[in-house]
C-alpha cells in the first residue's frame, strides 16, 4: 500500500500534494525488511567511485557531492522546463521527531540517512522502504551545542561511517547495519561531541569535532577505515596561538582590539590553547592532486570574552590546509583574529578554478562566512584573492561586547551559518543561503567551567527587529552579487545546483523551492510540513532522477520539528 499510494488516483494525489503530507514509508515489518535487503545489497564503494563522484549522475557519494564540495549534481532530467511537474515519489518517516540536518548518501539505489541522536537508516532509494535501522547506544554523558543533530554518513568499501553525539566514530556493515568497529574520538565529559559527517578518502576516515562553546581543543583526526586505528591528529589551536596581533579583519576593518591589555593578560595567564575551542563542524574539501585537505575552524572559547584568551587565537576562525597523509600543517588564513562575536567559520570550503588578482585562472578555495561575505582564496598558499559584496546588512562592525549589550550586525548566527554552498562552474557562480538576525552582544567574564557551556556572556536577538533570509548568487571571479532573493525567515540548511539549470533549497517555514540558477526566478515550491533545514541531494535509479531532502526543522532558529525524508521525481 505504501508504494502504491501516490499512484491510486490523480484526485487523491493532488489533495496530498496540496497539503504537503504524504503517507509514510516508515516502520515496516520484519518480513518487509528482510525482503528489502534483496534490492538493497550494496556493491563495494571503491576509491575510484569516490574520486569520480563529481561526474556520477546516478549516485550521491559525498556529503557535499564530491571531494571539491561543489554540491553540483550533473544530471539534467529535472530541469527549468519541467521542474513544475516535480512531485513527491515517497516520504519516509524516522522514529526521531527532531531537527533534521542530514545529507542523504545514495549508493547503487541504497540511501543512507541519519537523524538527531545518531540513528542511521538504510532505505531503498526508489521506494523509500526501510532496509535496516541502526540506533546508537549513547554513553552516560553527551554534551553538545546547537541541537542533537547529525549531518550524515561517509561510505567506503563495504562500510558506512558515523560520528555520534557521545564523541565516537562508528563503522557499520553497509548491508546489515551491524557495528564493525567503534572508537572513542574524545571525552564527552569535557564538552566534545560529533554532529558532522565523516569523510572517506584513500583508506582514511576524517572527522573533526564540534564543542567550541565548551572550552575544548579543536581538531581533525584521521582513522584507518578498516581497523579504526588513529593515524594522525591536527589540532586547530596551535600551542603558540598568539599570532601577529592582527588589528584588522580579512576585509581591512579595524577590530578595535586593546593589544596592550592582551599582552599584559598573556604575561599573566599564559597561552590559552588547551581550552581555546576551534571546533571543525563540517567536512573538509579534498584535493587529490596535491594530497591536501582544506577545512575551516570555528570560534575561540569562551565565545564573547576575549580577556582570558589573549592573542590572535590561532587557528580559530580560519581556513586551514594540511597534508592528507600526515596531518602536517601547510597554510592558513584567519578571517577574524581574537573573535569576540562568535562569527566563526563553519560553512564547508569549496575547491574550484577562480580568477586571481591578475585575471589568471588558478585553483581556488571558497568559503562563506558568518560576516556575510564569500571569501575567495588561492589554494596553494591559502592567501585571500578577494571577498564578495556583503550579502546581509553589516552595521557597527566591530563594536566590542559590553555587559549591557552592544548592537552589531551580523548577529552571531550569520551571514552564512554552517549551511553548505554550491557552485555552478559553467556560470562562475556560487549560491549561498544567508540569515539576517539582529543581535546584541553581552560579555561576562567567567573562569573555565570544565566541560560546561562557556560563552563568556550572551548574544541576544533584538525583539521587534525584522528577521529574514536570502538566497544569493555570487560571481566568485568578481565578488559581485548576480542575483538575490529575499526569504520570509532566516535561512539555514544548505543548497544544491544541478545541470538542469536549477538550485534547490529549503526554508524554516516548510517550503522547499527550486530557482532558475541564471536568474533567481522561483520555478517550483512544495510545503513539507516542517522546517526544511537540511542540505538537498539528488540521484538517479532505473533512469529516473530524484531530488531528496530532510524536513525536520532546526534547533538554533527553533523551526518546526518533523521526521520526514522526502524524495521527489517528475510526474509520469
Protein backbone atom coordinates (compact mmCIF):
# COMPACT_ATOMS: atom_id res chain seq x y z
CA UNK A 1 0.00 0.00 0.00
CA UNK A 2 2.78 2.43 0.87
CA UNK A 3 4.46 2.10 -2.52
CA UNK A 4 1.24 2.46 -4.48
CA UNK A 5 -0.33 5.33 -2.52
CA UNK A 6 0.81 8.02 -4.96
CA UNK A 7 -0.46 6.08 -7.96
CA UNK A 8 -4.04 5.35 -6.89
CA UNK A 9 -5.68 8.38 -8.44
CA UNK A 10 -4.92 11.88 -9.59
CA UNK A 11 -7.52 13.47 -7.30
CA UNK A 12 -6.02 11.88 -4.18
CA UNK A 13 -2.52 12.72 -5.39
CA UNK A 14 -3.43 16.37 -5.95
CA UNK A 15 -5.03 16.57 -2.50
CA UNK A 16 -1.99 15.10 -0.76
CA UNK A 17 0.43 17.35 -2.63
CA UNK A 18 -1.71 20.35 -1.80
CA UNK A 19 -1.30 19.86 1.93
CA UNK A 20 2.25 18.54 1.66
CA UNK A 21 1.57 15.43 3.76
CA UNK A 22 2.07 12.00 2.21
CA UNK A 23 1.64 8.63 3.90
CA UNK A 24 4.84 7.38 5.44
CA UNK A 25 7.15 4.68 4.20
CA UNK A 26 8.15 4.48 7.85
CA UNK A 27 8.17 1.41 10.08
CA UNK A 28 7.98 -1.84 8.16
CA UNK A 29 7.58 -5.40 9.36
CA UNK A 30 10.49 -7.75 9.86
CA UNK A 31 9.44 -9.67 6.76
CA UNK A 32 9.43 -6.48 4.68
CA UNK A 33 12.89 -5.54 5.95
CA UNK A 34 14.20 -8.98 5.05
CA UNK A 35 12.79 -8.71 1.54
CA UNK A 36 14.02 -5.15 1.19
CA UNK A 37 17.63 -6.25 1.60
CA UNK A 38 17.29 -8.18 -1.68
CA UNK A 39 17.20 -4.95 -3.63
CA UNK A 40 19.48 -3.12 -1.24
CA UNK A 41 22.68 -5.17 -1.49
CA UNK A 42 25.44 -2.62 -1.91
CA UNK A 43 28.49 -3.30 -4.02
CA UNK A 44 31.81 -2.12 -2.66
CA UNK A 45 32.34 1.64 -2.84
CA UNK A 46 35.78 1.92 -4.43
CA UNK A 47 38.13 4.85 -4.15
CA UNK A 48 37.73 5.32 -7.90
CA UNK A 49 33.97 5.77 -7.41
CA UNK A 50 34.59 8.35 -4.70
CA UNK A 51 37.16 10.15 -6.89
CA UNK A 52 34.73 10.36 -9.83
CA UNK A 53 31.67 11.34 -7.81
CA UNK A 54 31.51 14.80 -9.34
CA UNK A 55 30.55 13.29 -12.70
CA UNK A 56 28.38 10.49 -11.33
CA UNK A 57 24.78 11.11 -12.41
CA UNK A 58 23.46 8.05 -10.56
CA UNK A 59 24.81 8.29 -7.03
CA UNK A 60 25.40 10.91 -4.34
CA UNK A 61 28.53 9.61 -2.61
CA UNK A 62 29.74 12.55 -0.51
CA UNK A 63 28.03 14.90 1.92
CA UNK A 64 28.70 17.75 -0.48
CA UNK A 65 28.56 15.77 -3.70
CA UNK A 66 32.27 15.31 -4.40
CA UNK A 67 35.68 15.91 -2.87
CA UNK A 68 35.69 19.51 -4.14
CA UNK A 69 32.38 20.02 -2.27
CA UNK A 70 30.68 21.87 -5.12
CA UNK A 71 27.29 20.20 -4.40
CA UNK A 72 26.71 20.30 -8.18
CA UNK A 73 24.70 17.35 -9.47
CA UNK A 74 25.46 16.55 -13.13
CA UNK A 75 22.02 15.23 -14.22
CA UNK A 76 19.54 17.38 -16.16
CA UNK A 77 16.44 15.17 -16.46
CA UNK A 78 14.81 17.55 -13.97
CA UNK A 79 15.33 21.00 -15.46
CA UNK A 80 13.94 24.51 -15.79
CA UNK A 81 11.44 23.37 -18.39
CA UNK A 82 9.81 20.58 -16.40
CA UNK A 83 10.54 21.23 -12.71
CA UNK A 84 6.95 22.46 -12.37
CA UNK A 85 5.97 18.77 -12.69
CA UNK A 86 8.07 17.69 -9.69
CA UNK A 87 6.00 15.63 -7.22
CA UNK A 88 6.69 13.53 -4.12
CA UNK A 89 7.76 10.00 -5.05
CA UNK A 90 7.83 8.78 -1.45
CA UNK A 91 8.18 10.03 2.13
CA UNK A 92 9.97 8.10 4.84
CA UNK A 93 9.31 8.95 8.49
CA UNK A 94 12.03 8.26 11.03
CA UNK A 95 11.23 7.48 14.64
CA UNK A 96 13.05 10.64 15.77
CA UNK A 97 10.97 13.82 15.61
CA UNK A 98 13.73 16.39 15.99
CA UNK A 99 15.97 18.67 13.95
CA UNK A 100 16.96 17.19 10.60
CA UNK A 101 20.30 18.19 9.06
CA UNK A 102 21.35 15.03 7.23
CA UNK A 103 22.51 14.92 3.63
CA UNK A 104 21.26 11.62 2.13
CA UNK A 105 24.05 9.49 0.66
CA UNK A 106 22.99 7.26 -2.24
CA UNK A 107 24.93 4.24 -3.50
CA UNK A 108 23.56 1.95 -6.22
CA UNK A 109 19.94 2.51 -5.25
CA UNK A 110 20.52 2.42 -1.49
CA UNK A 111 20.13 5.60 0.57
CA UNK A 112 21.75 6.23 3.95
CA UNK A 113 20.30 8.94 6.19
CA UNK A 114 20.91 9.96 9.79
CA UNK A 115 18.80 11.61 12.45
CA UNK A 116 19.34 13.56 15.63
CA UNK A 117 20.66 11.31 18.42
CA UNK A 118 22.84 9.40 15.93
CA UNK A 119 20.47 6.99 14.22
CA UNK A 120 21.25 5.63 10.75
CA UNK A 121 18.71 4.27 8.28
CA UNK A 122 19.33 2.41 5.03
CA UNK A 123 16.46 2.86 2.58
CA UNK A 124 15.53 1.68 -0.89
CA UNK A 125 16.13 4.91 -2.80
CA UNK A 126 13.41 4.15 -5.36
CA UNK A 127 10.61 3.34 -2.92
CA UNK A 128 11.61 4.70 0.49
CA UNK A 129 11.26 1.28 2.11
CA UNK A 130 13.46 0.63 5.12
CA UNK A 131 16.29 -1.87 4.74
CA UNK A 132 17.84 -1.52 8.20
CA UNK A 133 17.96 0.87 11.15
CA UNK A 134 20.94 1.43 13.46
CA UNK A 135 20.15 3.14 16.77
CA UNK A 136 23.32 4.20 18.53
CA UNK A 137 23.50 3.37 22.23
CA UNK A 138 24.65 6.60 23.84
CA UNK A 139 27.17 6.68 26.64
CA UNK A 140 26.21 8.13 30.03
CA UNK A 141 27.30 11.67 29.04
CA UNK A 142 26.53 13.73 25.96
CA UNK A 143 27.35 17.42 25.76
CA UNK A 144 26.50 19.30 22.59
CA UNK A 145 25.82 22.75 21.26
CA UNK A 146 23.05 23.90 18.95
CA UNK A 147 20.88 20.78 18.94
CA UNK A 148 21.35 17.00 18.96
CA UNK A 149 21.98 16.98 15.21
CA UNK A 150 23.73 14.67 12.80
CA UNK A 151 24.73 15.71 9.28
CA UNK A 152 25.21 12.31 7.64
CA UNK A 153 27.48 9.37 6.99
CA UNK A 154 30.50 8.55 4.85
CA UNK A 155 30.72 5.41 2.71
CA UNK A 156 33.79 3.44 1.68
CA UNK A 157 34.36 -0.20 0.81
CA UNK A 158 31.59 -2.21 2.43
CA UNK A 159 31.17 0.14 5.38
CA UNK A 160 29.14 3.16 6.47
CA UNK A 161 30.79 5.58 8.94
CA UNK A 162 29.01 7.67 11.57
CA UNK A 163 30.06 10.29 14.13
CA UNK A 164 27.96 10.28 17.32
CA UNK A 165 26.81 12.75 19.96
CA UNK A 166 28.88 10.95 22.60
CA UNK A 167 32.01 11.64 20.52
CA UNK A 168 32.51 8.23 18.89
CA UNK A 169 33.31 7.14 15.35
CA UNK A 170 31.36 4.02 14.36
CA UNK A 171 31.87 1.77 11.34
CA UNK A 172 28.77 -0.16 10.26
CA UNK A 173 28.40 -3.02 7.81
CA UNK A 174 26.66 -1.46 4.82
CA UNK A 175 24.44 -4.49 4.12
CA UNK A 176 23.23 -5.16 7.64
CA UNK A 177 23.84 -2.05 9.74
CA UNK A 178 25.78 -4.08 12.31
CA UNK A 179 28.72 -2.49 14.12
CA UNK A 180 32.11 -3.46 12.69
CA UNK A 181 34.21 -1.26 14.97
CA UNK A 182 33.76 1.72 17.29
CA UNK A 183 36.31 4.26 18.52
CA UNK A 184 36.11 6.98 21.15
CA UNK A 185 37.26 10.20 19.47
CA UNK A 186 37.34 12.47 22.51
CA UNK A 187 35.90 12.82 26.01
CA UNK A 188 32.24 13.97 26.03
CA UNK A 189 32.60 14.89 29.70
CA UNK A 190 34.92 17.70 28.58
CA UNK A 191 32.39 19.01 26.07
CA UNK A 192 33.31 17.07 22.94
CA UNK A 193 30.63 15.73 20.59
CA UNK A 194 30.16 14.84 16.93
CA UNK A 195 27.44 16.15 14.66
CA UNK A 196 29.43 16.38 11.41
CA UNK A 197 29.55 13.75 8.71
CA UNK A 198 32.90 11.96 8.32
CA UNK A 199 34.86 12.00 5.06
CA UNK A 200 36.26 8.82 3.46
CA UNK A 201 39.40 9.10 1.32
CA UNK A 202 42.31 6.79 0.46
CA UNK A 203 41.59 4.33 3.25
CA UNK A 204 41.18 7.06 5.84
CA UNK A 205 38.16 8.40 7.68
CA UNK A 206 38.50 12.09 8.51
CA UNK A 207 36.47 13.71 11.26
CA UNK A 208 36.71 16.93 13.28
CA UNK A 209 34.91 17.93 16.43
CA UNK A 210 32.37 20.48 17.47
CA UNK A 211 32.28 21.81 21.01
CA UNK A 212 33.88 25.23 20.64
CA UNK A 213 31.39 26.55 23.21
CA UNK A 214 32.78 24.25 25.90
CA UNK A 215 36.46 25.12 26.13
CA UNK A 216 37.62 22.11 24.13
CA UNK A 217 40.73 21.99 21.96
CA UNK A 218 39.53 21.57 18.38
CA UNK A 219 40.99 19.04 15.96
CA UNK A 220 40.73 17.00 12.80
CA UNK A 221 41.63 13.31 13.11
CA UNK A 222 42.29 10.59 10.55
CA UNK A 223 41.42 6.95 11.26
CA UNK A 224 42.15 3.79 9.32
CA UNK A 225 38.93 2.75 7.58
CA UNK A 226 39.48 -0.98 8.09
CA UNK A 227 40.67 -1.12 11.67
CA UNK A 228 39.70 2.21 13.24
CA UNK A 229 43.31 2.89 14.22
CA UNK A 230 44.12 6.56 14.79
CA UNK A 231 46.57 7.71 12.10
CA UNK A 232 47.09 11.41 12.86
CA UNK A 233 45.66 14.41 14.69
CA UNK A 234 45.83 18.08 13.71
CA UNK A 235 44.91 20.49 16.50
CA UNK A 236 43.15 23.65 15.37
CA UNK A 237 44.53 25.63 18.30
CA UNK A 238 48.29 25.93 17.98
CA UNK A 239 50.49 25.60 21.07
CA UNK A 240 51.65 29.12 20.20
CA UNK A 241 48.27 30.64 19.46
CA UNK A 242 49.31 34.30 19.79
CA UNK A 243 49.85 35.07 16.10
CA UNK A 244 50.79 38.54 14.85
CA UNK A 245 48.43 40.65 17.00
CA UNK A 246 46.32 41.43 13.94
CA UNK A 247 44.29 44.62 14.32
CA UNK A 248 42.14 44.34 11.16
CA UNK A 249 39.86 41.62 9.80
CA UNK A 250 40.12 39.97 6.38
CA UNK A 251 38.30 42.88 4.74
CA UNK A 252 40.61 45.51 6.26
CA UNK A 253 38.32 46.81 9.00
CA UNK A 254 39.65 47.74 12.44
CA UNK A 255 38.53 45.23 15.10
CA UNK A 256 39.11 47.67 17.97
CA UNK A 257 41.43 45.33 19.88
CA UNK A 258 43.24 46.52 23.00
CA UNK A 259 46.58 44.93 22.18
CA UNK A 260 48.31 46.39 25.25
CA UNK A 261 45.76 44.79 27.58
CA UNK A 262 46.00 41.49 25.73
CA UNK A 263 49.78 41.38 26.03
CA UNK A 264 49.50 42.03 29.74
CA UNK A 265 46.96 39.21 30.05
CA UNK A 266 49.24 36.84 28.10
CA UNK A 267 52.08 37.54 30.51
CA UNK A 268 49.79 36.82 33.46
CA UNK A 269 47.71 33.91 32.13
CA UNK A 270 49.91 32.22 29.53
CA UNK A 271 48.80 30.80 26.19
CA UNK A 272 45.18 29.55 26.33
CA UNK A 273 45.49 26.93 23.54
CA UNK A 274 44.31 23.96 25.65
CA UNK A 275 40.79 25.38 26.10
CA UNK A 276 40.64 27.65 23.05
CA UNK A 277 37.83 25.99 21.07
CA UNK A 278 38.24 25.98 17.29
CA UNK A 279 35.68 23.29 16.50
CA UNK A 280 35.53 21.81 13.00
CA UNK A 281 31.84 21.48 12.21
CA UNK A 282 31.84 20.44 8.57
CA UNK A 283 33.61 18.24 6.04
CA UNK A 284 36.99 19.15 4.58
CA UNK A 285 37.44 19.66 0.85
CA UNK A 286 39.96 17.16 -0.54
CA UNK A 287 42.47 17.95 -3.31
CA UNK A 288 43.72 14.60 -4.60
CA UNK A 289 46.16 16.30 -7.00
CA UNK A 290 48.16 17.89 -4.20
CA UNK A 291 47.24 15.41 -1.45
CA UNK A 292 45.90 18.23 0.71
CA UNK A 293 42.68 18.92 2.57
CA UNK A 294 41.05 22.26 3.34
CA UNK A 295 38.73 22.90 6.27
CA UNK A 296 37.58 25.77 8.47
CA UNK A 297 37.88 26.08 12.24
CA UNK A 298 35.25 27.81 14.34
CA UNK A 299 35.17 30.35 17.14
CA UNK A 300 37.57 30.63 20.06
CA UNK A 301 36.33 29.74 23.53
CA UNK A 302 34.86 31.41 25.51
CA UNK A 303 32.90 32.91 22.63
CA UNK A 304 32.46 36.53 23.76
CA UNK A 305 35.08 37.05 26.45
CA UNK A 306 38.48 37.77 24.95
CA UNK A 307 40.08 38.84 28.23
CA UNK A 308 41.02 35.25 29.18
CA UNK A 309 42.37 34.30 25.74
CA UNK A 310 44.85 36.98 24.61
CA UNK A 311 46.36 36.90 21.13
CA UNK A 312 45.03 36.10 17.66
CA UNK A 313 43.83 32.68 18.92
CA UNK A 314 45.31 30.68 16.04
CA UNK A 315 43.87 28.85 14.15
CA UNK A 316 40.31 29.72 15.15
CA UNK A 317 38.09 31.40 12.54
CA UNK A 318 40.47 30.27 9.81
CA UNK A 319 40.73 28.38 6.56
CA UNK A 320 43.35 25.68 7.15
CA UNK A 321 45.16 23.28 4.81
CA UNK A 322 47.06 20.18 5.96
CA UNK A 323 48.69 17.18 4.31
CA UNK A 324 46.23 14.30 3.82
CA UNK A 325 48.72 11.56 4.73
CA UNK A 326 50.33 13.13 7.79
CA UNK A 327 48.08 15.94 9.03
CA UNK A 328 51.06 18.29 8.81
CA UNK A 329 50.24 22.00 8.64
CA UNK A 330 50.63 23.65 5.22
CA UNK A 331 48.91 27.06 5.37
CA UNK A 332 46.05 29.01 6.87
CA UNK A 333 44.18 32.29 6.57
CA UNK A 334 42.44 33.84 9.58
CA UNK A 335 39.26 35.81 8.88
CA UNK A 336 38.75 37.34 12.33
CA UNK A 337 41.59 37.29 14.85
CA UNK A 338 40.59 37.18 18.52
CA UNK A 339 36.89 36.93 17.61
CA UNK A 340 34.53 38.14 20.37
CA UNK A 341 31.32 37.99 18.31
CA UNK A 342 31.00 34.22 17.62
CA UNK A 343 31.24 34.88 13.88
CA UNK A 344 33.07 31.62 13.36
CA UNK A 345 33.97 29.86 10.12
CA UNK A 346 31.64 26.88 9.72
CA UNK A 347 30.30 26.56 6.14
CA UNK A 348 32.42 23.92 4.32
CA UNK A 349 35.02 25.17 1.81
CA UNK A 350 34.76 24.51 -1.93
CA UNK A 351 37.62 23.90 -4.39
CA UNK A 352 37.11 25.35 -7.87
CA UNK A 353 39.01 27.27 -10.57
CA UNK A 354 38.91 31.02 -9.96
CA UNK A 355 40.44 34.17 -11.42
CA UNK A 356 43.32 35.54 -9.40
CA UNK A 357 44.01 39.26 -8.98
CA UNK A 358 45.57 39.37 -12.45
CA UNK A 359 42.68 37.58 -14.15
CA UNK A 360 44.58 34.29 -14.47
CA UNK A 361 42.69 31.08 -13.72
CA UNK A 362 44.11 29.29 -10.67
CA UNK A 363 42.93 26.64 -8.26
CA UNK A 364 40.91 28.39 -5.59
CA UNK A 365 39.04 27.75 -2.36
CA UNK A 366 35.73 29.42 -1.50
CA UNK A 367 34.26 29.91 1.96
CA UNK A 368 31.02 31.57 3.01
CA UNK A 369 31.41 33.50 6.26
CA UNK A 370 29.04 34.50 9.02
CA UNK A 371 30.16 38.02 8.17
CA UNK A 372 28.04 37.74 5.02
CA UNK A 373 30.99 37.64 2.59
CA UNK A 374 32.12 34.86 0.28
CA UNK A 375 35.90 34.66 0.58
CA UNK A 376 37.97 33.54 -2.43
CA UNK A 377 41.44 32.11 -1.74
CA UNK A 378 44.39 30.76 -3.65
CA UNK A 379 44.61 27.03 -2.95
CA UNK A 380 48.40 26.90 -2.99
CA UNK A 381 49.09 29.24 -0.06
CA UNK A 382 45.59 29.98 1.41
CA UNK A 383 46.02 33.70 0.66
CA UNK A 384 42.94 35.81 0.04
CA UNK A 385 42.24 36.89 -3.56
CA UNK A 386 39.00 38.77 -2.93
CA UNK A 387 35.84 38.86 -0.87
CA UNK A 388 32.32 39.37 -2.15
CA UNK A 389 29.92 42.18 -1.62
CA UNK A 390 28.09 41.81 1.69
CA UNK A 391 25.04 39.59 1.27
CA UNK A 392 23.43 40.79 4.53
CA UNK A 393 23.39 44.12 6.41
CA UNK A 394 26.57 45.00 8.30
CA UNK A 395 26.33 47.67 11.00
CA UNK A 396 28.74 48.90 13.68
CA UNK A 397 31.43 46.33 12.88
CA UNK A 398 33.42 45.66 15.08
CA UNK A 399 31.87 47.21 18.16
CA UNK A 400 33.02 45.40 21.31
CA UNK A 401 30.55 43.49 23.52
CA UNK A 402 29.65 45.07 26.85
CA UNK A 403 27.87 43.86 29.98
CA UNK A 404 24.67 45.70 28.98
CA UNK A 405 24.98 44.66 25.35
CA UNK A 406 26.08 46.27 22.09
CA UNK A 407 24.18 46.00 18.83
CA UNK A 408 26.19 44.83 15.82
CA UNK A 409 25.26 43.20 12.56
CA UNK A 410 25.53 40.44 11.50
CA UNK A 411 24.27 38.62 14.57
CA UNK A 412 26.06 35.55 15.89
CA UNK A 413 24.23 33.17 13.53
CA UNK A 414 25.42 34.98 10.40
CA UNK A 415 25.50 35.65 7.43
CA UNK A 416 26.29 32.14 6.35
CA UNK A 417 25.89 29.63 9.18
CA UNK A 418 27.03 26.01 8.78
CA UNK A 419 24.95 25.82 5.59
CA UNK A 420 26.95 24.36 2.64
CA UNK A 421 27.16 26.47 -0.52
CA UNK A 422 27.04 25.14 -4.10
CA UNK A 423 28.89 26.07 -7.30
CA UNK A 424 27.92 26.08 -10.96
CA UNK A 425 31.36 26.42 -12.57
CA UNK A 426 29.85 26.88 -16.02
CA UNK A 427 28.21 30.09 -14.82
CA UNK A 428 31.04 31.09 -12.47
CA UNK A 429 28.52 31.40 -9.64
CA UNK A 430 28.43 30.22 -6.04
CA UNK A 431 24.97 30.01 -4.44
CA UNK A 432 24.62 30.87 -0.78
CA UNK A 433 21.85 30.99 1.82
CA UNK A 434 22.02 33.70 4.49
CA UNK A 435 20.49 34.87 7.76
CA UNK A 436 19.63 38.36 8.89
CA UNK A 437 19.01 38.18 12.64
CA UNK A 438 19.90 41.39 14.54
CA UNK A 439 21.50 40.79 17.95
CA UNK A 440 23.16 42.48 20.87
CA UNK A 441 26.45 41.16 22.24
CA UNK A 442 26.93 40.90 26.01
CA UNK A 443 30.16 39.97 27.79
CA UNK A 444 30.55 38.46 31.25
CA UNK A 445 33.89 37.05 32.29
CA UNK A 446 33.80 33.63 33.97
CA UNK A 447 36.54 31.04 34.60
CA UNK A 448 36.79 27.82 32.58
CA UNK A 449 33.93 25.63 33.88
CA UNK A 450 35.34 22.24 32.88
CA UNK A 451 33.17 20.73 30.18
CA UNK A 452 30.18 23.02 30.65
CA UNK A 453 28.87 25.74 28.35
CA UNK A 454 31.35 28.63 28.34
CA UNK A 455 30.09 31.55 26.28
CA UNK A 456 31.62 34.33 28.34
CA UNK A 457 28.37 36.25 28.02
CA UNK A 458 25.42 36.05 25.63
CA UNK A 459 24.19 37.13 22.23
CA UNK A 460 20.53 38.10 22.23
CA UNK A 461 18.05 38.53 19.39
CA UNK A 462 16.59 42.04 19.42
CA UNK A 463 12.81 41.92 19.97
CA UNK A 464 10.83 43.81 17.36
CA UNK A 465 13.58 43.92 14.73
CA UNK A 466 12.76 42.15 11.48
CA UNK A 467 14.47 38.84 10.75
CA UNK A 468 14.74 37.38 7.27
CA UNK A 469 16.97 35.41 4.94
CA UNK A 470 18.09 35.34 1.35
CA UNK A 471 19.37 33.14 -1.44
CA UNK A 472 22.29 34.85 -3.18
CA UNK A 473 24.16 34.05 -6.38
CA UNK A 474 27.71 35.45 -6.23
CA UNK A 475 30.16 35.77 -9.12
CA UNK A 476 33.27 34.48 -7.40
CA UNK A 477 35.56 35.92 -10.09
CA UNK A 478 34.43 39.47 -9.35
CA UNK A 479 32.81 39.31 -5.91
CA UNK A 480 29.63 40.85 -7.30
CA UNK A 481 26.19 39.57 -6.36
CA UNK A 482 24.50 38.42 -9.58
CA UNK A 483 21.04 37.96 -8.06
CA UNK A 484 19.44 37.79 -4.63
CA UNK A 485 16.03 36.55 -3.44
CA UNK A 486 14.73 37.53 -0.03
CA UNK A 487 13.02 34.85 2.07
CA UNK A 488 10.45 35.17 4.83
CA UNK A 489 12.69 33.70 7.52
CA UNK A 490 16.44 33.43 8.20
CA UNK A 491 17.98 30.66 6.10
CA UNK A 492 19.88 27.69 7.49
CA UNK A 493 20.42 24.26 5.94
CA UNK A 494 22.08 24.11 2.55
CA UNK A 495 21.67 24.43 -1.20
CA UNK A 496 22.36 22.35 -4.34
CA UNK A 497 22.82 23.26 -8.01
CA UNK A 498 22.12 20.86 -10.89
CA UNK A 499 22.94 20.56 -14.58
CA UNK A 500 19.26 21.19 -15.21
CA UNK A 501 19.81 24.89 -14.55
CA UNK A 502 18.28 24.71 -11.07
CA UNK A 503 19.19 25.42 -7.47
CA UNK A 504 17.24 23.73 -4.66
CA UNK A 505 16.98 24.91 -1.07
CA UNK A 506 14.52 24.85 1.82
CA UNK A 507 13.20 27.25 4.45
CA UNK A 508 12.18 27.13 8.10
CA UNK A 509 8.54 27.66 7.19
CA UNK A 510 8.45 24.25 5.47
CA UNK A 511 8.83 25.42 1.89
CA UNK A 512 11.23 23.57 -0.40
CA UNK A 513 11.96 25.58 -3.54
CA UNK A 514 13.63 25.39 -6.95
CA UNK A 515 15.10 28.51 -8.55
CA UNK A 516 16.44 29.20 -12.03
CA UNK A 517 20.20 29.23 -11.45
CA UNK A 518 20.79 32.02 -14.02
CA UNK A 519 18.08 34.43 -12.93
CA UNK A 520 16.86 33.50 -9.46
CA UNK A 521 13.30 33.13 -10.71
CA UNK A 522 11.21 30.85 -8.48
CA UNK A 523 10.08 27.87 -10.60
CA UNK A 524 8.61 25.40 -8.08
CA UNK A 525 7.79 25.01 -4.39
CA UNK A 526 6.44 22.37 -2.02
CA UNK A 527 5.16 22.63 1.56
CA UNK A 528 6.86 19.88 3.59
CA UNK A 529 5.02 20.44 6.88
CA UNK A 530 8.20 21.02 8.93
CA UNK A 531 11.30 23.15 8.54
CA UNK A 532 13.41 22.18 5.52
CA UNK A 533 16.78 22.91 7.10
CA UNK A 534 18.88 20.10 5.66
CA UNK A 535 21.03 20.17 2.51
CA UNK A 536 19.32 18.55 -0.52
CA UNK A 537 20.80 15.79 -2.66
CA UNK A 538 19.97 14.13 -5.99
CA UNK A 539 20.35 10.68 -7.53
CA UNK A 540 19.08 8.50 -10.37
CA UNK A 541 17.59 5.00 -10.13
CA UNK A 542 16.41 2.99 -13.18
CA UNK A 543 16.78 6.05 -15.38
CA UNK A 544 14.66 8.31 -13.15
CA UNK A 545 16.18 11.33 -11.40
CA UNK A 546 15.13 12.17 -7.84
CA UNK A 547 15.65 15.15 -5.56
CA UNK A 548 15.69 14.32 -1.84
CA UNK A 549 15.72 16.41 1.32
CA UNK A 550 15.09 16.09 5.05
CA UNK A 551 12.26 18.06 6.68
CA UNK A 552 12.71 18.07 10.44
CA UNK A 553 13.28 21.68 11.43
CA UNK A 554 16.15 23.30 13.29
CA UNK A 555 17.07 23.87 16.95
CA UNK A 556 19.12 27.06 16.58
CA UNK A 557 16.30 29.02 14.97
CA UNK A 558 13.52 26.93 16.54
CA UNK A 559 11.89 25.93 13.27
CA UNK A 560 9.09 23.38 13.35
CA UNK A 561 10.33 19.85 14.04
CA UNK A 562 9.44 16.81 11.98
CA UNK A 563 10.75 13.41 10.89
CA UNK A 564 10.36 13.26 7.11
CA UNK A 565 12.78 12.34 4.35
CA UNK A 566 11.06 13.36 1.11
CA UNK A 567 12.07 12.20 -2.37
CA UNK A 568 10.69 13.96 -5.44
CA UNK A 569 10.56 12.98 -9.10
CA UNK A 570 8.77 14.13 -12.23
CA UNK A 571 5.11 13.15 -12.53
CA UNK A 572 4.51 10.43 -15.14
